[in-house]
Amino acid sequence: MLSEKSWNSAHERSYLVADPTRRPLPPLNWALLTVFIALQVADVVTTNYALAVPGNWEVNPLMEFAQTHLGSSWWIPKIVAAGLAAAVVSHIRRQWPVACAVSYYVLIVSSNLTCL
């Protein structure tokens, strides 16, 4: 058993020593994450412009709900969700989940642009 003193010193050292299993995020992941965040902003901007054109409507039921109940602040839950996704992605070492999300949002932003 550890005494309180040895427990405290071992516990303090655990914060000072870098985790050897924790490697930095690969550059491609950082690039994909940056593009993902930029596409989130582009989605908000293009959605606002596209919805200003008569005959366009929001296809995503969750975003339509947010637009109905939050008005012009509808984008806040979207940015919060995107921030949480970005935080999770920063811990993922594989590129394919981020690449899929980026591809999906390229399609969404492209669709918004065609509605303009």
N, C-alpha and C. Protein backbone atom coordinates (compact mmCIF):
# COMPACT_ATOMS: atom_id res chain seq x y z
N MET A 1 0.84 -1.18 0.00
CA MET A 1 0.00 0.00 0.00
C MET A 1 0.88 1.24 0.00
N LEU A 2 0.38 2.26 -0.61
CA LEU A 2 1.10 3.51 -0.67
C LEU A 2 0.68 4.41 0.49
N SER A 3 1.66 5.06 1.03
CA SER A 3 1.31 6.05 2.05
C SER A 3 0.76 7.28 1.35
N GLU A 4 0.16 8.17 2.11
CA GLU A 4 -0.42 9.37 1.51
C GLU A 4 0.64 10.22 0.83
N LYS A 5 1.84 10.28 1.44
CA LYS A 5 2.92 11.08 0.87
C LYS A 5 3.38 10.49 -0.46
N SER A 6 3.58 9.18 -0.51
CA SER A 6 4.05 8.57 -1.75
C SER A 6 2.95 8.61 -2.82
N TRP A 7 1.68 8.49 -2.42
CA TRP A 7 0.57 8.60 -3.36
C TRP A 7 0.55 10.00 -3.99
N ASN A 8 0.67 11.03 -3.16
CA ASN A 8 0.65 12.40 -3.66
C ASN A 8 1.81 12.68 -4.61
N SER A 9 3.01 12.20 -4.27
CA SER A 9 4.15 12.47 -5.14
C SER A 9 4.02 11.70 -6.44
N ALA A 10 3.52 10.47 -6.40
CA ALA A 10 3.31 9.71 -7.63
C ALA A 10 2.22 10.36 -8.48
N HIS A 11 1.18 10.85 -7.83
CA HIS A 11 0.09 11.50 -8.54
C HIS A 11 0.56 12.80 -9.19
N GLU A 12 1.38 13.58 -8.51
CA GLU A 12 1.91 14.82 -9.06
C GLU A 12 2.82 14.55 -10.24
N ARG A 13 3.65 13.52 -10.15
CA ARG A 13 4.55 13.18 -11.25
C ARG A 13 3.79 12.75 -12.49
N SER A 14 2.64 12.13 -12.30
CA SER A 14 1.89 11.66 -13.48
C SER A 14 1.45 12.82 -14.36
N TYR A 15 1.27 13.99 -13.79
CA TYR A 15 0.90 15.16 -14.58
C TYR A 15 2.11 15.80 -15.26
N LEU A 16 3.28 15.59 -14.71
CA LEU A 16 4.48 16.22 -15.24
C LEU A 16 5.10 15.44 -16.39
N VAL A 17 4.90 14.13 -16.40
CA VAL A 17 5.51 13.27 -17.41
C VAL A 17 4.56 13.18 -18.61
N ALA A 18 5.10 13.41 -19.79
CA ALA A 18 4.28 13.32 -21.00
C ALA A 18 3.91 11.86 -21.25
N ASP A 19 2.72 11.66 -21.73
CA ASP A 19 2.24 10.32 -22.03
C ASP A 19 2.96 9.82 -23.29
N PRO A 20 3.74 8.74 -23.18
CA PRO A 20 4.50 8.27 -24.35
C PRO A 20 3.61 7.71 -25.45
N THR A 21 2.37 7.31 -25.12
CA THR A 21 1.47 6.79 -26.14
C THR A 21 0.77 7.91 -26.90
N ARG A 22 0.84 9.11 -26.41
CA ARG A 22 0.17 10.26 -27.04
C ARG A 22 1.11 10.90 -28.05
N ARG A 23 0.79 10.74 -29.32
CA ARG A 23 1.59 11.33 -30.39
C ARG A 23 0.88 12.55 -30.93
N PRO A 24 1.62 13.48 -31.51
CA PRO A 24 0.96 14.64 -32.11
C PRO A 24 0.08 14.22 -33.29
N LEU A 25 -0.92 15.02 -33.55
CA LEU A 25 -1.82 14.75 -34.67
C LEU A 25 -1.07 14.91 -35.99
N PRO A 26 -1.24 13.94 -36.91
CA PRO A 26 -0.55 14.04 -38.20
C PRO A 26 -0.98 15.31 -38.96
N PRO A 27 -0.09 15.85 -39.79
CA PRO A 27 -0.40 17.08 -40.53
C PRO A 27 -1.64 16.98 -41.41
N LEU A 28 -1.86 15.81 -42.02
CA LEU A 28 -3.05 15.66 -42.86
C LEU A 28 -4.32 15.79 -42.03
N ASN A 29 -4.31 15.26 -40.81
CA ASN A 29 -5.48 15.41 -39.93
C ASN A 29 -5.72 16.87 -39.59
N TRP A 30 -4.64 17.62 -39.33
CA TRP A 30 -4.79 19.05 -39.05
C TRP A 30 -5.38 19.77 -40.25
N ALA A 31 -4.92 19.43 -41.44
CA ALA A 31 -5.43 20.07 -42.65
C ALA A 31 -6.92 19.74 -42.84
N LEU A 32 -7.28 18.47 -42.66
CA LEU A 32 -8.68 18.08 -42.79
C LEU A 32 -9.55 18.76 -41.73
N LEU A 33 -9.03 18.86 -40.53
CA LEU A 33 -9.77 19.52 -39.45
C LEU A 33 -9.99 21.00 -39.77
N THR A 34 -8.97 21.64 -40.31
CA THR A 34 -9.09 23.05 -40.69
C THR A 34 -10.12 23.23 -41.80
N VAL A 35 -10.10 22.35 -42.79
CA VAL A 35 -11.08 22.42 -43.88
C VAL A 35 -12.48 22.16 -43.33
N PHE A 36 -12.61 21.21 -42.41
CA PHE A 36 -13.91 20.91 -41.80
C PHE A 36 -14.48 22.14 -41.10
N ILE A 37 -13.67 22.83 -40.32
CA ILE A 37 -14.13 24.03 -39.62
C ILE A 37 -14.49 25.13 -40.61
N ALA A 38 -13.68 25.31 -41.64
CA ALA A 38 -13.98 26.32 -42.66
C ALA A 38 -15.29 26.00 -43.38
N LEU A 39 -15.54 24.72 -43.63
CA LEU A 39 -16.79 24.33 -44.28
C LEU A 39 -18.00 24.56 -43.38
N GLN A 40 -17.83 24.44 -42.07
CA GLN A 40 -18.93 24.73 -41.15
C GLN A 40 -19.34 26.20 -41.25
N VAL A 41 -18.35 27.06 -41.28
CA VAL A 41 -18.61 28.50 -41.41
C VAL A 41 -19.24 28.78 -42.78
N ALA A 42 -18.70 28.16 -43.82
CA ALA A 42 -19.25 28.35 -45.17
C ALA A 42 -20.69 27.84 -45.25
N ASP A 43 -21.00 26.77 -44.54
CA ASP A 43 -22.36 26.24 -44.53
C ASP A 43 -23.32 27.24 -43.90
N VAL A 44 -22.93 27.84 -42.79
CA VAL A 44 -23.79 28.83 -42.13
C VAL A 44 -24.02 30.03 -43.05
N VAL A 45 -22.96 30.53 -43.64
CA VAL A 45 -23.07 31.72 -44.49
C VAL A 45 -23.91 31.42 -45.74
N THR A 46 -23.62 30.31 -46.42
CA THR A 46 -24.36 30.00 -47.64
C THR A 46 -25.80 29.62 -47.35
N THR A 47 -26.05 29.01 -46.19
CA THR A 47 -27.44 28.70 -45.81
C THR A 47 -28.23 29.99 -45.61
N ASN A 48 -27.64 30.95 -44.93
CA ASN A 48 -28.33 32.23 -44.73
C ASN A 48 -28.66 32.89 -46.06
N TYR A 49 -27.71 32.91 -46.98
CA TYR A 49 -27.97 33.51 -48.29
C TYR A 49 -28.99 32.72 -49.09
N ALA A 50 -28.88 31.39 -49.05
CA ALA A 50 -29.81 30.56 -49.82
C ALA A 50 -31.24 30.67 -49.28
N LEU A 51 -31.39 30.76 -47.97
CA LEU A 51 -32.73 30.88 -47.40
C LEU A 51 -33.37 32.23 -47.67
N ALA A 52 -32.55 33.22 -48.01
CA ALA A 52 -33.08 34.54 -48.36
C ALA A 52 -33.71 34.53 -49.76
N VAL A 53 -33.37 33.54 -50.57
CA VAL A 53 -33.94 33.43 -51.92
C VAL A 53 -35.30 32.74 -51.81
N PRO A 54 -36.34 33.34 -52.37
CA PRO A 54 -37.68 32.71 -52.30
C PRO A 54 -37.68 31.32 -52.94
N GLY A 55 -38.39 30.41 -52.31
CA GLY A 55 -38.51 29.05 -52.82
C GLY A 55 -37.52 28.08 -52.22
N ASN A 56 -36.56 28.55 -51.44
CA ASN A 56 -35.60 27.66 -50.78
C ASN A 56 -36.04 27.41 -49.34
N TRP A 57 -35.72 26.23 -48.84
CA TRP A 57 -36.04 25.88 -47.46
C TRP A 57 -34.93 25.00 -46.91
N GLU A 58 -34.92 24.88 -45.60
CA GLU A 58 -33.91 24.05 -44.93
C GLU A 58 -34.33 22.59 -45.04
N VAL A 59 -33.42 21.74 -45.49
CA VAL A 59 -33.71 20.33 -45.66
C VAL A 59 -33.49 19.56 -44.35
N ASN A 60 -32.49 19.96 -43.57
CA ASN A 60 -32.17 19.28 -42.32
C ASN A 60 -33.23 19.62 -41.27
N PRO A 61 -33.97 18.62 -40.76
CA PRO A 61 -35.03 18.92 -39.79
C PRO A 61 -34.51 19.50 -38.47
N LEU A 62 -33.31 19.12 -38.06
CA LEU A 62 -32.76 19.68 -36.82
C LEU A 62 -32.42 21.16 -36.98
N MET A 63 -31.85 21.50 -38.11
CA MET A 63 -31.53 22.91 -38.35
C MET A 63 -32.80 23.73 -38.58
N GLU A 64 -33.80 23.12 -39.21
CA GLU A 64 -35.08 23.81 -39.38
C GLU A 64 -35.72 24.09 -38.01
N PHE A 65 -35.62 23.12 -37.11
CA PHE A 65 -36.13 23.31 -35.75
C PHE A 65 -35.38 24.46 -35.06
N ALA A 66 -34.05 24.48 -35.20
CA ALA A 66 -33.25 25.55 -34.60
C ALA A 66 -33.60 26.90 -35.21
N GLN A 67 -33.81 26.94 -36.52
CA GLN A 67 -34.16 28.20 -37.18
C GLN A 67 -35.53 28.70 -36.73
N THR A 68 -36.45 27.77 -36.52
CA THR A 68 -37.79 28.14 -36.08
C THR A 68 -37.77 28.70 -34.67
N HIS A 69 -37.02 28.06 -33.78
CA HIS A 69 -37.06 28.43 -32.36
C HIS A 69 -35.99 29.44 -31.95
N LEU A 70 -34.91 29.53 -32.69
CA LEU A 70 -33.83 30.45 -32.30
C LEU A 70 -33.73 31.66 -33.21
N GLY A 71 -34.43 31.64 -34.31
CA GLY A 71 -34.39 32.78 -35.23
C GLY A 71 -33.02 32.96 -35.85
N SER A 72 -32.52 34.18 -35.80
CA SER A 72 -31.24 34.47 -36.45
C SER A 72 -30.04 33.86 -35.73
N SER A 73 -30.24 33.32 -34.55
CA SER A 73 -29.15 32.65 -33.80
C SER A 73 -29.17 31.14 -34.02
N TRP A 74 -29.80 30.67 -35.09
CA TRP A 74 -29.94 29.24 -35.35
C TRP A 74 -28.60 28.54 -35.48
N TRP A 75 -27.57 29.24 -35.85
CA TRP A 75 -26.27 28.65 -36.13
C TRP A 75 -25.49 28.30 -34.87
N ILE A 76 -25.89 28.80 -33.70
CA ILE A 76 -25.14 28.55 -32.47
C ILE A 76 -25.08 27.06 -32.13
N PRO A 77 -26.21 26.31 -32.13
CA PRO A 77 -26.08 24.87 -31.84
C PRO A 77 -25.23 24.14 -32.88
N LYS A 78 -25.28 24.60 -34.13
CA LYS A 78 -24.48 23.97 -35.18
C LYS A 78 -23.00 24.16 -34.92
N ILE A 79 -22.61 25.36 -34.54
CA ILE A 79 -21.20 25.63 -34.27
C ILE A 79 -20.74 24.88 -33.02
N VAL A 80 -21.61 24.78 -32.02
CA VAL A 80 -21.26 24.01 -30.81
C VAL A 80 -21.04 22.54 -31.17
N ALA A 81 -21.95 21.97 -31.97
CA ALA A 81 -21.81 20.57 -32.38
C ALA A 81 -20.55 20.39 -33.23
N ALA A 82 -20.27 21.34 -34.10
CA ALA A 82 -19.05 21.26 -34.93
C ALA A 82 -17.81 21.37 -34.05
N GLY A 83 -17.85 22.22 -33.03
CA GLY A 83 -16.72 22.33 -32.11
C GLY A 83 -16.48 21.04 -31.34
N LEU A 84 -17.56 20.40 -30.90
CA LEU A 84 -17.42 19.10 -30.22
C LEU A 84 -16.86 18.05 -31.17
N ALA A 85 -17.34 18.06 -32.41
CA ALA A 85 -16.82 17.11 -33.40
C ALA A 85 -15.34 17.37 -33.66
N ALA A 86 -14.96 18.63 -33.73
CA ALA A 86 -13.55 18.97 -33.94
C ALA A 86 -12.70 18.51 -32.76
N ALA A 87 -13.23 18.63 -31.55
CA ALA A 87 -12.49 18.16 -30.37
C ALA A 87 -12.30 16.65 -30.40
N VAL A 88 -13.32 15.93 -30.82
CA VAL A 88 -13.21 14.47 -30.93
C VAL A 88 -12.23 14.11 -32.03
N VAL A 89 -12.33 14.80 -33.16
CA VAL A 89 -11.45 14.51 -34.30
C VAL A 89 -9.99 14.75 -33.94
N SER A 90 -9.73 15.69 -33.05
CA SER A 90 -8.34 15.97 -32.68
C SER A 90 -7.70 14.81 -31.94
N HIS A 91 -8.51 13.85 -31.50
CA HIS A 91 -7.96 12.67 -30.82
C HIS A 91 -7.96 11.42 -31.70
N ILE A 92 -8.48 11.54 -32.91
CA ILE A 92 -8.55 10.40 -33.82
C ILE A 92 -7.31 10.41 -34.71
N ARG A 93 -6.69 9.27 -34.86
CA ARG A 93 -5.47 9.17 -35.66
C ARG A 93 -5.76 8.82 -37.11
N ARG A 94 -6.93 8.29 -37.39
CA ARG A 94 -7.26 7.89 -38.76
C ARG A 94 -7.83 9.07 -39.51
N GLN A 95 -7.55 9.10 -40.81
CA GLN A 95 -8.00 10.24 -41.61
C GLN A 95 -9.38 10.02 -42.22
N TRP A 96 -9.81 8.79 -42.42
CA TRP A 96 -11.02 8.56 -43.18
C TRP A 96 -12.27 9.14 -42.53
N PRO A 97 -12.46 9.13 -41.20
CA PRO A 97 -13.69 9.75 -40.67
C PRO A 97 -13.77 11.25 -40.96
N VAL A 98 -12.64 11.91 -40.84
CA VAL A 98 -12.60 13.35 -41.09
C VAL A 98 -12.78 13.62 -42.58
N ALA A 99 -12.15 12.81 -43.40
CA ALA A 99 -12.28 12.97 -44.85
C ALA A 99 -13.73 12.77 -45.29
N CYS A 100 -14.43 11.83 -44.68
CA CYS A 100 -15.85 11.62 -44.99
C CYS A 100 -16.68 12.84 -44.59
N ALA A 101 -16.42 13.38 -43.41
CA ALA A 101 -17.16 14.57 -42.96
C ALA A 101 -16.87 15.76 -43.86
N VAL A 102 -15.63 15.93 -44.26
CA VAL A 102 -15.26 17.02 -45.17
C VAL A 102 -15.97 16.84 -46.51
N SER A 103 -15.98 15.63 -47.04
CA SER A 103 -16.65 15.37 -48.32
C SER A 103 -18.14 15.67 -48.23
N TYR A 104 -18.75 15.27 -47.13
CA TYR A 104 -20.18 15.53 -46.92
C TYR A 104 -20.47 17.03 -46.90
N TYR A 105 -19.66 17.79 -46.20
CA TYR A 105 -19.90 19.23 -46.12
C TYR A 105 -19.53 19.96 -47.40
N VAL A 106 -18.64 19.40 -48.20
CA VAL A 106 -18.39 19.97 -49.53
C VAL A 106 -19.68 19.87 -50.35
N LEU A 107 -20.36 18.72 -50.26
CA LEU A 107 -21.62 18.56 -50.97
C LEU A 107 -22.68 19.52 -50.46
N ILE A 108 -22.76 19.70 -49.14
CA ILE A 108 -23.77 20.59 -48.56
C ILE A 108 -23.53 22.03 -48.99
N VAL A 109 -22.31 22.50 -48.89
CA VAL A 109 -22.00 23.87 -49.27
C VAL A 109 -22.21 24.05 -50.78
N SER A 110 -21.84 23.07 -51.56
CA SER A 110 -22.08 23.13 -53.01
C SER A 110 -23.57 23.21 -53.32
N SER A 111 -24.36 22.44 -52.59
CA SER A 111 -25.81 22.49 -52.77
C SER A 111 -26.36 23.86 -52.41
N ASN A 112 -25.87 24.43 -51.32
CA ASN A 112 -26.29 25.79 -50.94
C ASN A 112 -25.93 26.79 -52.02
N LEU A 113 -24.75 26.65 -52.58
CA LEU A 113 -24.32 27.58 -53.62
C LEU A 113 -25.16 27.46 -54.89
N THR A 114 -25.61 26.25 -55.22
CA THR A 114 -26.44 26.09 -56.41
C THR A 114 -27.83 26.69 -56.19
N CYS A 115 -28.25 26.83 -54.94
CA CYS A 115 -29.55 27.45 -54.64
C CYS A 115 -29.51 28.97 -54.73
N LEU A 116 -28.32 29.52 -54.81
CA LEU A 116 -28.21 30.98 -54.91
C LEU A 116 -28.47 31.35 -56.31
